[in-house]
Amino acid sequence: MTDRWTGWKSFPDHFYGEYIQAPIGPGVYEVCRTATREQVAFGCTQNVAESLCDILKPGKGRRRFFFFGARKRYGTGELEYRIWPTPTLSEAKVALKSIRGQRDAVWRRHAAAAR
């Protein structure tokens, strides 16, 4: 299992024939707004490229997403994504659990410091 995220990438503009640079295989993905770094989607999937394509489609998707906010159509350049490719879906689930645990620990630390 690889142990790190790829760099942030902007979603491509299909008008110019660009494609999403993601594996057609299992992994973890995160999608954020470019300007505010607000998280739009985060999860693990059997097919990362297909799941990222589904994010751009308005309406209901076929996959489970962990969305914060309503689903809508996003403009070109408004979103960025990064991925954590894994060899199997079970390793993607383990990576997702590890990432969530690390984020929860950070939030607990900030909450304790704010008191």
C-alpha atoms as a PDB file:
ATOM      1  CA  MET A   1       0.000   0.000   0.000  1.00  0.00           C
ATOM      2  CA  THR A   2       1.329   3.421  -0.867  1.00  0.00           C
ATOM      3  CA  ASP A   3       1.539   5.663   2.144  1.00  0.00           C
ATOM      4  CA  ARG A   4       0.691   9.094   0.863  1.00  0.00           C
ATOM      5  CA  TRP A   5      -1.600  11.329  -1.108  1.00  0.00           C
ATOM      6  CA  THR A   6      -0.910  12.554  -4.605  1.00  0.00           C
ATOM      7  CA  GLY A   7      -0.650  16.310  -5.093  1.00  0.00           C
ATOM      8  CA  TRP A   8      -3.758  18.446  -5.553  1.00  0.00           C
ATOM      9  CA  LYS A   9      -5.026  18.554  -9.143  1.00  0.00           C
ATOM     10  CA  SER A  10      -7.731  20.681 -10.741  1.00  0.00           C
ATOM     11  CA  PHE A  11     -10.617  18.924 -12.416  1.00  0.00           C
ATOM     12  CA  PRO A  12     -10.051  18.932 -16.181  1.00  0.00           C
ATOM     13  CA  ASP A  13     -12.016  20.895 -18.738  1.00  0.00           C
ATOM     14  CA  HIS A  14     -13.752  18.354 -20.985  1.00  0.00           C
ATOM     15  CA  PHE A  15     -14.180  21.015 -23.664  1.00  0.00           C
ATOM     16  CA  TYR A  16     -10.454  20.767 -24.350  1.00  0.00           C
ATOM     17  CA  GLY A  17     -10.410  16.958 -24.227  1.00  0.00           C
ATOM     18  CA  GLU A  18      -8.685  16.724 -20.856  1.00  0.00           C
ATOM     19  CA  TYR A  19      -9.211  13.734 -18.551  1.00  0.00           C
ATOM     20  CA  ILE A  20      -9.169  13.082 -14.831  1.00  0.00           C
ATOM     21  CA  GLN A  21      -5.784  11.686 -13.824  1.00  0.00           C
ATOM     22  CA  ALA A  22      -6.822   8.900 -11.481  1.00  0.00           C
ATOM     23  CA  PRO A  23      -6.536   5.117 -11.422  1.00  0.00           C
ATOM     24  CA  ILE A  24      -9.301   2.883 -12.711  1.00  0.00           C
ATOM     25  CA  GLY A  25      -8.944   0.931  -9.507  1.00  0.00           C
ATOM     26  CA  PRO A  26      -9.417   1.160  -5.743  1.00  0.00           C
ATOM     27  CA  GLY A  27      -8.326   4.024  -3.549  1.00  0.00           C
ATOM     28  CA  VAL A  28      -9.274   6.946  -1.343  1.00  0.00           C
ATOM     29  CA  TYR A  29     -10.180  10.369  -2.733  1.00  0.00           C
ATOM     30  CA  GLU A  30     -10.744  13.853  -1.384  1.00  0.00           C
ATOM     31  CA  VAL A  31     -12.345  16.759  -3.238  1.00  0.00           C
ATOM     32  CA  CYS A  32     -12.184  20.374  -2.021  1.00  0.00           C
ATOM     33  CA  ARG A  33     -13.149  23.801  -3.281  1.00  0.00           C
ATOM     34  CA  THR A  34     -10.120  25.529  -4.751  1.00  0.00           C
ATOM     35  CA  ALA A  35     -10.670  28.915  -3.104  1.00  0.00           C
ATOM     36  CA  THR A  36     -11.661  27.899   0.444  1.00  0.00           C
ATOM     37  CA  ARG A  37     -10.349  24.309   0.855  1.00  0.00           C
ATOM     38  CA  GLU A  38     -13.858  23.373   2.016  1.00  0.00           C
ATOM     39  CA  GLN A  39     -14.188  19.608   1.698  1.00  0.00           C
ATOM     40  CA  VAL A  40     -16.838  18.579  -0.840  1.00  0.00           C
ATOM     41  CA  ALA A  41     -16.321  14.800  -0.961  1.00  0.00           C
ATOM     42  CA  PHE A  42     -14.196  12.201   0.804  1.00  0.00           C
ATOM     43  CA  GLY A  43     -14.361   8.435   0.646  1.00  0.00           C
ATOM     44  CA  CYS A  44     -13.010   5.148  -0.646  1.00  0.00           C
ATOM     45  CA  THR A  45     -14.133   3.334  -3.759  1.00  0.00           C
ATOM     46  CA  GLN A  46     -13.445   0.422  -6.081  1.00  0.00           C
ATOM     47  CA  ASN A  47     -12.974   2.776  -9.077  1.00  0.00           C
ATOM     48  CA  VAL A  48     -11.466   6.187  -8.208  1.00  0.00           C
ATOM     49  CA  ALA A  49     -11.715   7.649 -11.726  1.00  0.00           C
ATOM     50  CA  GLU A  50     -15.425   6.811 -12.036  1.00  0.00           C
ATOM     51  CA  SER A  51     -16.210   8.176  -8.576  1.00  0.00           C
ATOM     52  CA  LEU A  52     -14.452  11.463  -9.354  1.00  0.00           C
ATOM     53  CA  CYS A  53     -16.426  11.739 -12.611  1.00  0.00           C
ATOM     54  CA  ASP A  54     -19.674  11.165 -10.694  1.00  0.00           C
ATOM     55  CA  ILE A  55     -18.887  14.118  -8.418  1.00  0.00           C
ATOM     56  CA  LEU A  56     -19.161  16.508 -11.354  1.00  0.00           C
ATOM     57  CA  LYS A  57     -22.600  15.216 -12.343  1.00  0.00           C
ATOM     58  CA  PRO A  58     -25.584  17.027 -10.800  1.00  0.00           C
ATOM     59  CA  GLY A  59     -28.294  15.041  -9.027  1.00  0.00           C
ATOM     60  CA  LYS A  60     -28.089  11.657  -7.392  1.00  0.00           C
ATOM     61  CA  GLY A  61     -25.025   9.524  -7.896  1.00  0.00           C
ATOM     62  CA  ARG A  62     -24.822   5.746  -7.894  1.00  0.00           C
ATOM     63  CA  ARG A  63     -22.099   5.632  -5.267  1.00  0.00           C
ATOM     64  CA  ARG A  64     -21.961   6.486  -1.599  1.00  0.00           C
ATOM     65  CA  PHE A  65     -20.295   9.821  -0.978  1.00  0.00           C
ATOM     66  CA  PHE A  66     -19.585  11.634   2.227  1.00  0.00           C
ATOM     67  CA  PHE A  67     -20.863  15.031   1.149  1.00  0.00           C
ATOM     68  CA  PHE A  68     -21.039  18.176   3.169  1.00  0.00           C
ATOM     69  CA  GLY A  69     -23.769  20.236   1.566  1.00  0.00           C
ATOM     70  CA  ALA A  70     -26.175  19.798  -1.281  1.00  0.00           C
ATOM     71  CA  ARG A  71     -25.180  18.286  -4.564  1.00  0.00           C
ATOM     72  CA  LYS A  72     -24.912  20.803  -7.395  1.00  0.00           C
ATOM     73  CA  ARG A  73     -23.019  21.381 -10.600  1.00  0.00           C
ATOM     74  CA  TYR A  74     -19.570  22.853 -10.108  1.00  0.00           C
ATOM     75  CA  GLY A  75     -17.766  25.126 -12.549  1.00  0.00           C
ATOM     76  CA  THR A  76     -14.456  24.315 -14.229  1.00  0.00           C
ATOM     77  CA  GLY A  77     -11.565  25.128 -11.917  1.00  0.00           C
ATOM     78  CA  GLU A  78     -13.793  25.378  -8.852  1.00  0.00           C
ATOM     79  CA  LEU A  79     -12.769  21.991  -7.427  1.00  0.00           C
ATOM     80  CA  GLU A  80      -9.483  20.181  -6.808  1.00  0.00           C
ATOM     81  CA  TYR A  81      -8.916  16.542  -5.977  1.00  0.00           C
ATOM     82  CA  ARG A  82      -6.238  14.275  -4.623  1.00  0.00           C
ATOM     83  CA  ILE A  83      -6.106  10.513  -4.388  1.00  0.00           C
ATOM     84  CA  TRP A  84      -4.464   7.775  -2.342  1.00  0.00           C
ATOM     85  CA  PRO A  85      -4.279   4.750  -4.677  1.00  0.00           C
ATOM     86  CA  THR A  86      -4.332   1.267  -3.139  1.00  0.00           C
ATOM     87  CA  PRO A  87      -4.033  -2.232  -4.618  1.00  0.00           C
ATOM     88  CA  THR A  88      -7.322  -3.491  -3.129  1.00  0.00           C
ATOM     89  CA  LEU A  89     -10.596  -2.079  -1.821  1.00  0.00           C
ATOM     90  CA  SER A  90      -9.929  -3.551   1.631  1.00  0.00           C
ATOM     91  CA  GLU A  91      -6.636  -1.611   1.836  1.00  0.00           C
ATOM     92  CA  ALA A  92      -8.510   1.533   0.756  1.00  0.00           C
ATOM     93  CA  LYS A  93     -10.927   1.015   3.651  1.00  0.00           C
ATOM     94  CA  VAL A  94      -7.998   0.606   6.067  1.00  0.00           C
ATOM     95  CA  ALA A  95      -6.386   3.784   4.717  1.00  0.00           C
ATOM     96  CA  LEU A  96      -9.694   5.670   5.044  1.00  0.00           C
ATOM     97  CA  LYS A  97     -10.062   4.562   8.660  1.00  0.00           C
ATOM     98  CA  SER A  98      -6.472   5.617   9.400  1.00  0.00           C
ATOM     99  CA  ILE A  99      -6.962   9.053   7.796  1.00  0.00           C
ATOM    100  CA  ARG A 100     -10.184   9.628   9.749  1.00  0.00           C
ATOM    101  CA  GLY A 101      -8.436   8.614  12.983  1.00  0.00           C
ATOM    102  CA  GLN A 102      -5.638  11.092  12.348  1.00  0.00           C
ATOM    103  CA  ARG A 103      -8.102  13.891  11.576  1.00  0.00           C
ATOM    104  CA  ASP A 104     -10.132  13.140  14.701  1.00  0.00           C
ATOM    105  CA  ALA A 105      -6.946  13.306  16.793  1.00  0.00           C
ATOM    106  CA  VAL A 106      -6.100  16.709  15.324  1.00  0.00           C
ATOM    107  CA  TRP A 107      -9.599  18.016  16.075  1.00  0.00           C
ATOM    108  CA  ARG A 108      -9.404  16.744  19.673  1.00  0.00           C
ATOM    109  CA  ARG A 109      -6.010  18.435  20.118  1.00  0.00           C
ATOM    110  CA  HIS A 110      -7.344  21.759  18.793  1.00  0.00           C
ATOM    111  CA  ALA A 111     -10.428  21.510  20.995  1.00  0.00           C
ATOM    112  CA  ALA A 112      -8.284  20.897  24.079  1.00  0.00           C
ATOM    113  CA  ALA A 113      -5.992  23.817  23.215  1.00  0.00           C
ATOM    114  CA  ALA A 114      -8.970  26.148  22.755  1.00  0.00           C
ATOM    115  CA  ARG A 115     -10.206  25.581  26.335  1.00  0.00           C
END
